[in-house]
């Protein structure tokens, strides 16, 4: 829901598919430190941006073929208007927000300790 809110604030509109995509991205990015224990946060951020871009491409190819939800065709280095380098780079700090939020969520809900962040 938070990603949908970000879209509403940034673009003034969103789509139900983006709520699902945002939730899936949050889950995937949040699991990175469990999938690869000890992964530095900077690497998690880059891997998270790659995961978000992959989800965006999959959702785009399934539901956004006509560009009605979003259209990156005017952005340089885009692929079929579904993904582009500019937004992949934007997902890097968004991945950090997801990593930190997921860690705090797991602490509050499951009582897990916060990880010992290693940045590089």
PDB file of N, CA and C in Angstrom:
ATOM      1  N   UNK A   1       0.824  -1.194   0.000  1.00  0.00           N
ATOM      2  CA  UNK A   1       0.000   0.000   0.000  1.00  0.00           C
ATOM      3  C   UNK A   1       0.864   1.251   0.000  1.00  0.00           C
ATOM      4  N   UNK A   2       2.024   1.144   0.663  1.00  0.00           N
ATOM      5  CA  UNK A   2       2.920   2.301   0.720  1.00  0.00           C
ATOM      6  C   UNK A   2       3.402   2.687  -0.672  1.00  0.00           C
ATOM      7  N   UNK A   3       3.712   1.689  -1.509  1.00  0.00           N
ATOM      8  CA  UNK A   3       4.156   2.009  -2.863  1.00  0.00           C
ATOM      9  C   UNK A   3       3.033   2.696  -3.641  1.00  0.00           C
ATOM     10  N   UNK A   4       1.810   2.242  -3.463  1.00  0.00           N
ATOM     11  CA  UNK A   4       0.683   2.900  -4.113  1.00  0.00           C
ATOM     12  C   UNK A   4       0.562   4.352  -3.675  1.00  0.00           C
ATOM     13  N   UNK A   5       0.822   4.610  -2.398  1.00  0.00           N
ATOM     14  CA  UNK A   5       0.800   5.981  -1.891  1.00  0.00           C
ATOM     15  C   UNK A   5       1.913   6.809  -2.523  1.00  0.00           C
ATOM     16  N   UNK A   6       3.091   6.225  -2.656  1.00  0.00           N
ATOM     17  CA  UNK A   6       4.207   6.930  -3.311  1.00  0.00           C
ATOM     18  C   UNK A   6       3.819   7.298  -4.731  1.00  0.00           C
ATOM     19  N   UNK A   7       3.203   6.367  -5.450  1.00  0.00           N
ATOM     20  CA  UNK A   7       2.757   6.655  -6.811  1.00  0.00           C
ATOM     21  C   UNK A   7       1.698   7.751  -6.836  1.00  0.00           C
ATOM     22  N   UNK A   8       0.763   7.698  -5.908  1.00  0.00           N
ATOM     23  CA  UNK A   8      -0.272   8.736  -5.863  1.00  0.00           C
ATOM     24  C   UNK A   8       0.342  10.112  -5.633  1.00  0.00           C
ATOM     25  N   UNK A   9       1.313  10.181  -4.739  1.00  0.00           N
ATOM     26  CA  UNK A   9       1.960  11.459  -4.459  1.00  0.00           C
ATOM     27  C   UNK A   9       2.799  11.935  -5.637  1.00  0.00           C
ATOM     28  N   UNK A  10       3.480  11.015  -6.318  1.00  0.00           N
ATOM     29  CA  UNK A  10       4.384  11.368  -7.405  1.00  0.00           C
ATOM     30  C   UNK A  10       3.646  11.623  -8.713  1.00  0.00           C
ATOM     31  N   UNK A  11       2.709  10.723  -9.064  1.00  0.00           N
ATOM     32  CA  UNK A  11       2.036  10.814 -10.362  1.00  0.00           C
ATOM     33  C   UNK A  11       0.580  11.229 -10.282  1.00  0.00           C
ATOM     34  N   UNK A  12       0.012  11.151  -9.086  1.00  0.00           N
ATOM     35  CA  UNK A  12      -1.395  11.507  -8.940  1.00  0.00           C
ATOM     36  C   UNK A  12      -2.344  10.350  -9.246  1.00  0.00           C
ATOM     37  N   UNK A  13      -1.806   9.169  -9.533  1.00  0.00           N
ATOM     38  CA  UNK A  13      -2.643   8.002  -9.820  1.00  0.00           C
ATOM     39  C   UNK A  13      -1.815   6.739  -9.609  1.00  0.00           C
ATOM     40  N   UNK A  14      -2.519   5.618  -9.477  1.00  0.00           N
ATOM     41  CA  UNK A  14      -1.871   4.313  -9.387  1.00  0.00           C
ATOM     42  C   UNK A  14      -2.799   3.279  -9.996  1.00  0.00           C
ATOM     43  N   UNK A  15      -2.417   2.038  -9.943  1.00  0.00           N
ATOM     44  CA  UNK A  15      -3.197   0.942 -10.519  1.00  0.00           C
ATOM     45  C   UNK A  15      -3.147  -0.225  -9.533  1.00  0.00           C
ATOM     46  N   UNK A  16      -4.212  -0.999  -9.395  1.00  0.00           N
ATOM     47  CA  UNK A  16      -4.192  -2.123  -8.449  1.00  0.00           C
ATOM     48  C   UNK A  16      -3.019  -3.079  -8.668  1.00  0.00           C
ATOM     49  N   UNK A  17      -2.595  -3.271  -9.899  1.00  0.00           N
ATOM     50  CA  UNK A  17      -1.457  -4.153 -10.173  1.00  0.00           C
ATOM     51  C   UNK A  17      -0.188  -3.631  -9.493  1.00  0.00           C
ATOM     52  N   UNK A  18      -0.093  -2.316  -9.332  1.00  0.00           N
ATOM     53  CA  UNK A  18       1.092  -1.736  -8.703  1.00  0.00           C
ATOM     54  C   UNK A  18       1.102  -2.004  -7.203  1.00  0.00           C
ATOM     55  N   UNK A  19      -0.062  -2.129  -6.598  1.00  0.00           N
ATOM     56  CA  UNK A  19      -0.113  -2.483  -5.182  1.00  0.00           C
ATOM     57  C   UNK A  19       0.414  -3.896  -4.978  1.00  0.00           C
ATOM     58  N   UNK A  20       0.034  -4.801  -5.874  1.00  0.00           N
ATOM     59  CA  UNK A  20       0.540  -6.171  -5.806  1.00  0.00           C
ATOM     60  C   UNK A  20       2.037  -6.204  -6.085  1.00  0.00           C
ATOM     61  N   UNK A  21       2.463  -5.482  -7.100  1.00  0.00           N
ATOM     62  CA  UNK A  21       3.887  -5.447  -7.451  1.00  0.00           C
ATOM     63  C   UNK A  21       4.702  -4.844  -6.312  1.00  0.00           C
ATOM     64  N   UNK A  22       4.214  -3.776  -5.714  1.00  0.00           N
ATOM     65  CA  UNK A  22       4.924  -3.144  -4.600  1.00  0.00           C
ATOM     66  C   UNK A  22       5.049  -4.082  -3.413  1.00  0.00           C
ATOM     67  N   UNK A  23       3.983  -4.811  -3.096  1.00  0.00           N
ATOM     68  CA  UNK A  23       4.036  -5.778  -2.004  1.00  0.00           C
ATOM     69  C   UNK A  23       5.014  -6.905  -2.283  1.00  0.00           C
ATOM     70  N   UNK A  24       5.000  -7.413  -3.509  1.00  0.00           N
ATOM     71  CA  UNK A  24       5.937  -8.469  -3.885  1.00  0.00           C
ATOM     72  C   UNK A  24       7.378  -7.969  -3.799  1.00  0.00           C
ATOM     73  N   UNK A  25       7.619  -6.759  -4.275  1.00  0.00           N
ATOM     74  CA  UNK A  25       8.966  -6.183  -4.205  1.00  0.00           C
ATOM     75  C   UNK A  25       9.419  -6.049  -2.759  1.00  0.00           C
ATOM     76  N   UNK A  26       8.528  -5.589  -1.891  1.00  0.00           N
ATOM     77  CA  UNK A  26       8.870  -5.439  -0.469  1.00  0.00           C
ATOM     78  C   UNK A  26       9.270  -6.785   0.123  1.00  0.00           C
ATOM     79  N   UNK A  27       8.495  -7.828  -0.182  1.00  0.00           N
ATOM     80  CA  UNK A  27       8.809  -9.163   0.333  1.00  0.00           C
ATOM     81  C   UNK A  27      10.147  -9.669  -0.191  1.00  0.00           C
ATOM     82  N   UNK A  28      10.379  -9.519  -1.480  1.00  0.00           N
ATOM     83  CA  UNK A  28      11.622 -10.012  -2.074  1.00  0.00           C
ATOM     84  C   UNK A  28      12.845  -9.265  -1.558  1.00  0.00           C
ATOM     85  N   UNK A  29      12.760  -7.943  -1.526  1.00  0.00           N
ATOM     86  CA  UNK A  29      13.898  -7.147  -1.055  1.00  0.00           C
ATOM     87  C   UNK A  29      14.138  -7.424   0.425  1.00  0.00           C
ATOM     88  N   UNK A  30      13.078  -7.571   1.194  1.00  0.00           N
ATOM     89  CA  UNK A  30      13.213  -7.852   2.617  1.00  0.00           C
ATOM     90  C   UNK A  30      13.852  -9.192   2.908  1.00  0.00           C
ATOM     91  N   UNK A  31      13.738 -10.134   1.996  1.00  0.00           N
ATOM     92  CA  UNK A  31      14.306 -11.471   2.201  1.00  0.00           C
ATOM     93  C   UNK A  31      15.763 -11.574   1.755  1.00  0.00           C
ATOM     94  N   UNK A  32      16.299 -10.555   1.129  1.00  0.00           N
ATOM     95  CA  UNK A  32      17.671 -10.635   0.624  1.00  0.00           C
ATOM     96  C   UNK A  32      18.679 -10.978   1.713  1.00  0.00           C
ATOM     97  N   UNK A  33      18.562 -10.318   2.869  1.00  0.00           N
ATOM     98  CA  UNK A  33      19.551 -10.572   3.920  1.00  0.00           C
ATOM     99  C   UNK A  33      19.406 -11.965   4.523  1.00  0.00           C
ATOM    100  N   UNK A  34      18.227 -12.566   4.377  1.00  0.00           N
ATOM    101  CA  UNK A  34      18.053 -13.942   4.848  1.00  0.00           C
ATOM    102  C   UNK A  34      18.515 -14.939   3.791  1.00  0.00           C
ATOM    103  N   UNK A  35      18.337 -14.605   2.533  1.00  0.00           N
ATOM    104  CA  UNK A  35      18.765 -15.492   1.459  1.00  0.00           C
ATOM    105  C   UNK A  35      20.289 -15.561   1.372  1.00  0.00           C
ATOM    106  N   UNK A  36      20.922 -14.426   1.620  1.00  0.00           N
ATOM    107  CA  UNK A  36      22.388 -14.354   1.579  1.00  0.00           C
ATOM    108  C   UNK A  36      22.849 -13.662   2.860  1.00  0.00           C
ATOM    109  N   UNK A  37      22.976 -14.419   3.952  1.00  0.00           N
ATOM    110  CA  UNK A  37      23.380 -13.807   5.226  1.00  0.00           C
ATOM    111  C   UNK A  37      24.728 -13.098   5.106  1.00  0.00           C
ATOM    112  N   UNK A  38      24.799 -11.931   5.728  1.00  0.00           N
ATOM    113  CA  UNK A  38      26.039 -11.168   5.718  1.00  0.00           C
ATOM    114  C   UNK A  38      26.244 -10.314   4.485  1.00  0.00           C
ATOM    115  N   UNK A  39      25.251 -10.295   3.581  1.00  0.00           N
ATOM    116  CA  UNK A  39      25.386  -9.466   2.381  1.00  0.00           C
ATOM    117  C   UNK A  39      25.440  -7.993   2.790  1.00  0.00           C
ATOM    118  N   UNK A  40      26.450  -7.258   2.313  1.00  0.00           N
ATOM    119  CA  UNK A  40      26.524  -5.836   2.662  1.00  0.00           C
ATOM    120  C   UNK A  40      25.278  -5.081   2.191  1.00  0.00           C
ATOM    121  N   UNK A  41      24.906  -4.066   2.944  1.00  0.00           N
ATOM    122  CA  UNK A  41      23.695  -3.310   2.636  1.00  0.00           C
ATOM    123  C   UNK A  41      23.766  -2.681   1.242  1.00  0.00           C
ATOM    124  N   UNK A  42      24.911  -2.149   0.859  1.00  0.00           N
ATOM    125  CA  UNK A  42      25.021  -1.546  -0.476  1.00  0.00           C
ATOM    126  C   UNK A  42      24.744  -2.577  -1.568  1.00  0.00           C
ATOM    127  N   UNK A  43      25.216  -3.788  -1.387  1.00  0.00           N
ATOM    128  CA  UNK A  43      24.938  -4.846  -2.359  1.00  0.00           C
ATOM    129  C   UNK A  43      23.465  -5.244  -2.309  1.00  0.00           C
ATOM    130  N   UNK A  44      22.876  -5.265  -1.117  1.00  0.00           N
ATOM    131  CA  UNK A  44      21.436  -5.532  -0.999  1.00  0.00           C
ATOM    132  C   UNK A  44      20.629  -4.476  -1.744  1.00  0.00           C
ATOM    133  N   UNK A  45      21.082  -3.233  -1.658  1.00  0.00           N
ATOM    134  CA  UNK A  45      20.372  -2.153  -2.343  1.00  0.00           C
ATOM    135  C   UNK A  45      20.405  -2.347  -3.859  1.00  0.00           C
ATOM    136  N   UNK A  46      21.558  -2.695  -4.399  1.00  0.00           N
ATOM    137  CA  UNK A  46      21.686  -2.907  -5.842  1.00  0.00           C
ATOM    138  C   UNK A  46      20.901  -4.149  -6.263  1.00  0.00           C
ATOM    139  N   UNK A  47      21.026  -5.232  -5.482  1.00  0.00           N
ATOM    140  CA  UNK A  47      20.259  -6.448  -5.785  1.00  0.00           C
ATOM    141  C   UNK A  47      18.759  -6.169  -5.669  1.00  0.00           C
ATOM    142  N   UNK A  48      18.376  -5.368  -4.681  1.00  0.00           N
ATOM    143  CA  UNK A  48      16.972  -4.998  -4.517  1.00  0.00           C
ATOM    144  C   UNK A  48      16.455  -4.221  -5.714  1.00  0.00           C
ATOM    145  N   UNK A  49      17.262  -3.287  -6.206  1.00  0.00           N
ATOM    146  CA  UNK A  49      16.865  -2.518  -7.388  1.00  0.00           C
ATOM    147  C   UNK A  49      16.701  -3.438  -8.594  1.00  0.00           C
ATOM    148  N   UNK A  50      17.569  -4.443  -8.711  1.00  0.00           N
ATOM    149  CA  UNK A  50      17.446  -5.404  -9.810  1.00  0.00           C
ATOM    150  C   UNK A  50      16.163  -6.238  -9.662  1.00  0.00           C
ATOM    151  N   UNK A  51      15.858  -6.658  -8.434  1.00  0.00           N
ATOM    152  CA  UNK A  51      14.618  -7.408  -8.195  1.00  0.00           C
ATOM    153  C   UNK A  51      13.388  -6.563  -8.518  1.00  0.00           C
ATOM    154  N   UNK A  52      13.407  -5.315  -8.061  1.00  0.00           N
ATOM    155  CA  UNK A  52      12.269  -4.426  -8.327  1.00  0.00           C
ATOM    156  C   UNK A  52      12.097  -4.232  -9.827  1.00  0.00           C
ATOM    157  N   UNK A  53      13.197  -4.048 -10.540  1.00  0.00           N
ATOM    158  CA  UNK A  53      13.132  -3.873 -11.995  1.00  0.00           C
ATOM    159  C   UNK A  53      12.590  -5.131 -12.664  1.00  0.00           C
ATOM    160  N   UNK A  54      12.999  -6.304 -12.172  1.00  0.00           N
ATOM    161  CA  UNK A  54      12.503  -7.564 -12.742  1.00  0.00           C
ATOM    162  C   UNK A  54      10.995  -7.714 -12.516  1.00  0.00           C
ATOM    163  N   UNK A  55      10.536  -7.367 -11.314  1.00  0.00           N
ATOM    164  CA  UNK A  55       9.096  -7.423 -11.027  1.00  0.00           C
ATOM    165  C   UNK A  55       8.361  -6.413 -11.903  1.00  0.00           C
ATOM    166  N   UNK A  56       8.934  -5.229 -12.028  1.00  0.00           N
ATOM    167  CA  UNK A  56       8.308  -4.197 -12.865  1.00  0.00           C
ATOM    168  C   UNK A  56       8.197  -4.672 -14.311  1.00  0.00           C
ATOM    169  N   UNK A  57       9.231  -5.327 -14.815  1.00  0.00           N
ATOM    170  CA  UNK A  57       9.189  -5.851 -16.183  1.00  0.00           C
ATOM    171  C   UNK A  57       8.114  -6.935 -16.312  1.00  0.00           C
ATOM    172  N   UNK A  58       8.069  -7.864 -15.363  1.00  0.00           N
ATOM    173  CA  UNK A  58       7.067  -8.932 -15.427  1.00  0.00           C
ATOM    174  C   UNK A  58       5.652  -8.375 -15.377  1.00  0.00           C
ATOM    175  N   UNK A  59       5.404  -7.473 -14.435  1.00  0.00           N
ATOM    176  CA  UNK A  59       4.074  -6.852 -14.327  1.00  0.00           C
ATOM    177  C   UNK A  59       3.776  -6.057 -15.589  1.00  0.00           C
ATOM    178  N   UNK A  60       4.781  -5.347 -16.076  1.00  0.00           N
ATOM    179  CA  UNK A  60       4.592  -4.566 -17.292  1.00  0.00           C
ATOM    180  C   UNK A  60       4.236  -5.419 -18.494  1.00  0.00           C
ATOM    181  N   UNK A  61       4.931  -6.528 -18.661  1.00  0.00           N
ATOM    182  CA  UNK A  61       4.640  -7.392 -19.806  1.00  0.00           C
ATOM    183  C   UNK A  61       3.281  -8.068 -19.674  1.00  0.00           C
ATOM    184  N   UNK A  62       2.852  -8.332 -18.428  1.00  0.00           N
ATOM    185  CA  UNK A  62       1.552  -8.975 -18.219  1.00  0.00           C
ATOM    186  C   UNK A  62       0.376  -8.000 -18.324  1.00  0.00           C
ATOM    187  N   UNK A  63       0.505  -6.829 -17.688  1.00  0.00           N
ATOM    188  CA  UNK A  63      -0.642  -5.919 -17.572  1.00  0.00           C
ATOM    189  C   UNK A  63      -0.454  -4.548 -18.202  1.00  0.00           C
ATOM    190  N   UNK A  64       0.720  -4.230 -18.662  1.00  0.00           N
ATOM    191  CA  UNK A  64       0.960  -2.870 -19.140  1.00  0.00           C
ATOM    192  C   UNK A  64       1.477  -2.851 -20.575  1.00  0.00           C
ATOM    193  N   UNK A  65       1.106  -3.832 -21.344  1.00  0.00           N
ATOM    194  CA  UNK A  65       1.597  -3.905 -22.717  1.00  0.00           C
ATOM    195  C   UNK A  65       1.314  -2.666 -23.533  1.00  0.00           C
ATOM    196  N   UNK A  66       0.191  -2.017 -23.284  1.00  0.00           N
ATOM    197  CA  UNK A  66      -0.172  -0.825 -24.049  1.00  0.00           C
ATOM    198  C   UNK A  66       0.347   0.465 -23.416  1.00  0.00           C
ATOM    199  N   UNK A  67       1.010   0.365 -22.271  1.00  0.00           N
ATOM    200  CA  UNK A  67       1.558   1.561 -21.618  1.00  0.00           C
ATOM    201  C   UNK A  67       0.522   2.379 -20.872  1.00  0.00           C
ATOM    202  N   UNK A  68      -0.632   1.798 -20.573  1.00  0.00           N
ATOM    203  CA  UNK A  68      -1.690   2.554 -19.902  1.00  0.00           C
ATOM    204  C   UNK A  68      -1.367   2.822 -18.432  1.00  0.00           C
ATOM    205  N   UNK A  69      -0.594   1.930 -17.786  1.00  0.00           N
ATOM    206  CA  UNK A  69      -0.279   2.118 -16.368  1.00  0.00           C
ATOM    207  C   UNK A  69       0.948   3.005 -16.229  1.00  0.00           C
ATOM    208  N   UNK A  70       2.004   2.716 -16.974  1.00  0.00           N
ATOM    209  CA  UNK A  70       3.197   3.565 -17.042  1.00  0.00           C
ATOM    210  C   UNK A  70       3.828   3.355 -18.405  1.00  0.00           C
ATOM    211  N   UNK A  71       4.638   4.317 -18.795  1.00  0.00           N
ATOM    212  CA  UNK A  71       5.265   4.234 -20.100  1.00  0.00           C
ATOM    213  C   UNK A  71       6.616   4.927 -20.043  1.00  0.00           C
ATOM    214  N   UNK A  72       7.667   4.139 -20.114  1.00  0.00           N
ATOM    215  CA  UNK A  72       9.028   4.674 -20.080  1.00  0.00           C
ATOM    216  C   UNK A  72       9.626   4.789 -21.475  1.00  0.00           C
ATOM    217  N   UNK A  73       8.814   4.722 -22.510  1.00  0.00           N
ATOM    218  CA  UNK A  73       9.359   4.708 -23.869  1.00  0.00           C
ATOM    219  C   UNK A  73      10.102   5.995 -24.227  1.00  0.00           C
ATOM    220  N   UNK A  74       9.838   7.073 -23.535  1.00  0.00           N
ATOM    221  CA  UNK A  74      10.560   8.329 -23.797  1.00  0.00           C
ATOM    222  C   UNK A  74      11.852   8.444 -22.989  1.00  0.00           C
ATOM    223  N   UNK A  75      12.059   7.532 -22.053  1.00  0.00           N
ATOM    224  CA  UNK A  75      13.273   7.536 -21.236  1.00  0.00           C
ATOM    225  C   UNK A  75      14.403   6.852 -22.005  1.00  0.00           C
ATOM    226  N   UNK A  76      15.616   7.356 -21.858  1.00  0.00           N
ATOM    227  CA  UNK A  76      16.731   6.657 -22.509  1.00  0.00           C
ATOM    228  C   UNK A  76      16.961   5.286 -21.873  1.00  0.00           C
ATOM    229  N   UNK A  77      17.491   4.386 -22.669  1.00  0.00           N
ATOM    230  CA  UNK A  77      17.835   3.040 -22.217  1.00  0.00           C
ATOM    231  C   UNK A  77      16.637   2.301 -21.616  1.00  0.00           C
ATOM    232  N   UNK A  78      15.500   2.385 -22.328  1.00  0.00           N
ATOM    233  CA  UNK A  78      14.308   1.666 -21.878  1.00  0.00           C
ATOM    234  C   UNK A  78      14.170   0.354 -22.656  1.00  0.00           C
ATOM    235  N   UNK A  79      13.420  -0.571 -22.090  1.00  0.00           N
ATOM    236  CA  UNK A  79      13.099  -1.817 -22.767  1.00  0.00           C
ATOM    237  C   UNK A  79      11.597  -1.884 -22.949  1.00  0.00           C
ATOM    238  N   UNK A  80      11.146  -1.736 -24.193  1.00  0.00           N
ATOM    239  CA  UNK A  80       9.733  -1.811 -24.561  1.00  0.00           C
ATOM    240  C   UNK A  80       8.850  -0.875 -23.739  1.00  0.00           C
ATOM    241  N   UNK A  81       9.417   0.190 -23.206  1.00  0.00           N
ATOM    242  CA  UNK A  81       8.658   1.155 -22.427  1.00  0.00           C
ATOM    243  C   UNK A  81       8.291   0.668 -21.037  1.00  0.00           C
ATOM    244  N   UNK A  82       8.740  -0.539 -20.655  1.00  0.00           N
ATOM    245  CA  UNK A  82       8.354  -1.141 -19.376  1.00  0.00           C
ATOM    246  C   UNK A  82       9.361  -0.863 -18.260  1.00  0.00           C
ATOM    247  N   UNK A  83      10.639  -0.847 -18.585  1.00  0.00           N
ATOM    248  CA  UNK A  83      11.693  -0.567 -17.608  1.00  0.00           C
ATOM    249  C   UNK A  83      12.705   0.354 -18.266  1.00  0.00           C
ATOM    250  N   UNK A  84      13.469   1.068 -17.437  1.00  0.00           N
ATOM    251  CA  UNK A  84      14.537   1.920 -17.961  1.00  0.00           C
ATOM    252  C   UNK A  84      15.585   2.116 -16.878  1.00  0.00           C
ATOM    253  N   UNK A  85      16.764   2.513 -17.314  1.00  0.00           N
ATOM    254  CA  UNK A  85      17.873   2.683 -16.381  1.00  0.00           C
ATOM    255  C   UNK A  85      17.576   3.762 -15.339  1.00  0.00           C
ATOM    256  N   UNK A  86      16.961   4.846 -15.752  1.00  0.00           N
ATOM    257  CA  UNK A  86      16.656   5.960 -14.839  1.00  0.00           C
ATOM    258  C   UNK A  86      15.864   5.473 -13.617  1.00  0.00           C
ATOM    259  N   UNK A  87      14.837   4.674 -13.847  1.00  0.00           N
ATOM    260  CA  UNK A  87      14.026   4.201 -12.725  1.00  0.00           C
ATOM    261  C   UNK A  87      14.708   3.072 -11.968  1.00  0.00           C
ATOM    262  N   UNK A  88      15.500   2.265 -12.648  1.00  0.00           N
ATOM    263  CA  UNK A  88      16.267   1.242 -11.930  1.00  0.00           C
ATOM    264  C   UNK A  88      17.179   1.917 -10.913  1.00  0.00           C
ATOM    265  N   UNK A  89      17.803   3.023 -11.287  1.00  0.00           N
ATOM    266  CA  UNK A  89      18.656   3.752 -10.346  1.00  0.00           C
ATOM    267  C   UNK A  89      17.831   4.370  -9.222  1.00  0.00           C
ATOM    268  N   UNK A  90      16.613   4.776  -9.511  1.00  0.00           N
ATOM    269  CA  UNK A  90      15.730   5.307  -8.475  1.00  0.00           C
ATOM    270  C   UNK A  90      15.344   4.224  -7.466  1.00  0.00           C
ATOM    271  N   UNK A  91      15.289   2.970  -7.930  1.00  0.00           N
ATOM    272  CA  UNK A  91      14.914   1.871  -7.034  1.00  0.00           C
ATOM    273  C   UNK A  91      16.009   1.562  -6.008  1.00  0.00           C
ATOM    274  N   UNK A  92      17.240   2.012  -6.228  1.00  0.00           N
ATOM    275  CA  UNK A  92      18.318   1.727  -5.271  1.00  0.00           C
ATOM    276  C   UNK A  92      18.002   2.332  -3.895  1.00  0.00           C
ATOM    277  N   UNK A  93      17.718   3.633  -3.779  1.00  0.00           N
ATOM    278  CA  UNK A  93      17.359   4.149  -2.447  1.00  0.00           C
ATOM    279  C   UNK A  93      16.013   3.620  -1.955  1.00  0.00           C
ATOM    280  N   UNK A  94      15.101   3.308  -2.865  1.00  0.00           N
ATOM    281  CA  UNK A  94      13.829   2.717  -2.456  1.00  0.00           C
ATOM    282  C   UNK A  94      14.072   1.336  -1.844  1.00  0.00           C
ATOM    283  N   UNK A  95      15.038   0.601  -2.384  1.00  0.00           N
ATOM    284  CA  UNK A  95      15.382  -0.705  -1.816  1.00  0.00           C
ATOM    285  C   UNK A  95      15.915  -0.544  -0.393  1.00  0.00           C
ATOM    286  N   UNK A  96      16.709   0.501  -0.154  1.00  0.00           N
ATOM    287  CA  UNK A  96      17.199   0.744   1.211  1.00  0.00           C
ATOM    288  C   UNK A  96      16.033   0.966   2.161  1.00  0.00           C
ATOM    289  N   UNK A  97      15.058   1.757   1.738  1.00  0.00           N
ATOM    290  CA  UNK A  97      13.886   2.001   2.576  1.00  0.00           C
ATOM    291  C   UNK A  97      13.159   0.682   2.863  1.00  0.00           C
ATOM    292  N   UNK A  98      13.048  -0.190   1.858  1.00  0.00           N
ATOM    293  CA  UNK A  98      12.382  -1.481   2.052  1.00  0.00           C
ATOM    294  C   UNK A  98      13.184  -2.377   2.989  1.00  0.00           C
ATOM    295  N   UNK A  99      14.501  -2.377   2.861  1.00  0.00           N
ATOM    296  CA  UNK A  99      15.362  -3.193   3.729  1.00  0.00           C
ATOM    297  C   UNK A  99      15.180  -2.772   5.182  1.00  0.00           C
ATOM    298  N   UNK A 100      15.277  -1.481   5.437  1.00  0.00           N
ATOM    299  CA  UNK A 100      15.163  -0.975   6.805  1.00  0.00           C
ATOM    300  C   UNK A 100      13.761  -1.190   7.369  1.00  0.00           C
ATOM    301  N   UNK A 101      12.739  -0.958   6.546  1.00  0.00           N
ATOM    302  CA  UNK A 101      11.363  -1.148   7.004  1.00  0.00           C
ATOM    303  C   UNK A 101      11.085  -2.621   7.296  1.00  0.00           C
ATOM    304  N   UNK A 102      11.581  -3.509   6.450  1.00  0.00           N
ATOM    305  CA  UNK A 102      11.383  -4.939   6.671  1.00  0.00           C
ATOM    306  C   UNK A 102      12.055  -5.384   7.968  1.00  0.00           C
ATOM    307  N   UNK A 103      13.265  -4.904   8.218  1.00  0.00           N
ATOM    308  CA  UNK A 103      13.966  -5.279   9.450  1.00  0.00           C
ATOM    309  C   UNK A 103      13.201  -4.820  10.682  1.00  0.00           C
ATOM    310  N   UNK A 104      12.666  -3.610  10.639  1.00  0.00           N
ATOM    311  CA  UNK A 104      11.901  -3.102  11.775  1.00  0.00           C
ATOM    312  C   UNK A 104      10.568  -3.830  11.929  1.00  0.00           C
ATOM    313  N   UNK A 105       9.956  -4.167  10.806  1.00  0.00           N
ATOM    314  CA  UNK A 105       8.717  -4.939  10.839  1.00  0.00           C
ATOM    315  C   UNK A 105       8.954  -6.303  11.487  1.00  0.00           C
ATOM    316  N   UNK A 106      10.000  -6.993  11.076  1.00  0.00           N
ATOM    317  CA  UNK A 106      10.308  -8.320  11.627  1.00  0.00           C
ATOM    318  C   UNK A 106      10.672  -8.232  13.114  1.00  0.00           C
ATOM    319  N   UNK A 107      11.292  -7.129  13.492  1.00  0.00           N
ATOM    320  CA  UNK A 107      11.621  -6.927  14.915  1.00  0.00           C
ATOM    321  C   UNK A 107      10.350  -6.759  15.733  1.00  0.00           C
ATOM    322  N   UNK A 108       9.467  -5.910  15.233  1.00  0.00           N
ATOM    323  CA  UNK A 108       8.237  -5.609  15.977  1.00  0.00           C
ATOM    324  C   UNK A 108       7.272  -6.797  15.999  1.00  0.00           C
ATOM    325  N   UNK A 109       7.073  -7.454  14.869  1.00  0.00           N
ATOM    326  CA  UNK A 109       6.077  -8.513  14.774  1.00  0.00           C
ATOM    327  C   UNK A 109       6.603  -9.857  15.264  1.00  0.00           C
ATOM    328  N   UNK A 110       7.849 -10.180  14.892  1.00  0.00           N
ATOM    329  CA  UNK A 110       8.391 -11.509  15.206  1.00  0.00           C
ATOM    330  C   UNK A 110       9.442 -11.490  16.311  1.00  0.00           C
ATOM    331  N   UNK A 111       9.776 -10.315  16.820  1.00  0.00           N
ATOM    332  CA  UNK A 111      10.754 -10.210  17.886  1.00  0.00           C
ATOM    333  C   UNK A 111      12.187 -10.491  17.458  1.00  0.00           C
ATOM    334  N   UNK A 112      12.451 -10.426  16.171  1.00  0.00           N
ATOM    335  CA  UNK A 112      13.813 -10.667  15.682  1.00  0.00           C
ATOM    336  C   UNK A 112      14.685  -9.452  15.969  1.00  0.00           C
ATOM    337  N   UNK A 113      15.937  -9.685  16.286  1.00  0.00           N
ATOM    338  CA  UNK A 113      16.826  -8.536  16.518  1.00  0.00           C
ATOM    339  C   UNK A 113      17.155  -7.852  15.186  1.00  0.00           C
ATOM    340  N   UNK A 114      17.443  -6.567  15.291  1.00  0.00           N
ATOM    341  CA  UNK A 114      17.883  -5.859  14.084  1.00  0.00           C
ATOM    342  C   UNK A 114      19.234  -6.418  13.666  1.00  0.00           C
ATOM    343  N   UNK A 115      19.468  -6.527  12.349  1.00  0.00           N
ATOM    344  CA  UNK A 115      20.751  -7.048  11.907  1.00  0.00           C
ATOM    345  C   UNK A 115      21.887  -6.069  12.208  1.00  0.00           C
ATOM    346  N   UNK A 116      23.058  -6.598  12.241  1.00  0.00           N
ATOM    347  CA  UNK A 116      24.262  -5.791  12.380  1.00  0.00           C
ATOM    348  C   UNK A 116      24.629  -5.330  10.974  1.00  0.00           C
ATOM    349  N   UNK A 117      24.246  -4.119  10.620  1.00  0.00           N
ATOM    350  CA  UNK A 117      24.418  -3.658   9.248  1.00  0.00           C
ATOM    351  C   UNK A 117      25.901  -3.515   8.891  1.00  0.00           C
ATOM    352  N   UNK A 118      26.263  -4.129   7.788  1.00  0.00           N
ATOM    353  CA  UNK A 118      27.591  -3.983   7.209  1.00  0.00           C
ATOM    354  C   UNK A 118      27.378  -3.354   5.844  1.00  0.00           C
ATOM    355  N   UNK A 119      27.876  -2.156   5.660  1.00  0.00           N
ATOM    356  CA  UNK A 119      27.577  -1.397   4.449  1.00  0.00           C
ATOM    357  C   UNK A 119      28.386  -1.831   3.239  1.00  0.00           C
ATOM    358  N   UNK A 120      29.622  -2.223   3.431  1.00  0.00           N
ATOM    359  CA  UNK A 120      30.452  -2.676   2.298  1.00  0.00           C
ATOM    360  C   UNK A 120      31.128  -3.989   2.636  1.00  0.00           C
TER     361      UNK A 120
END
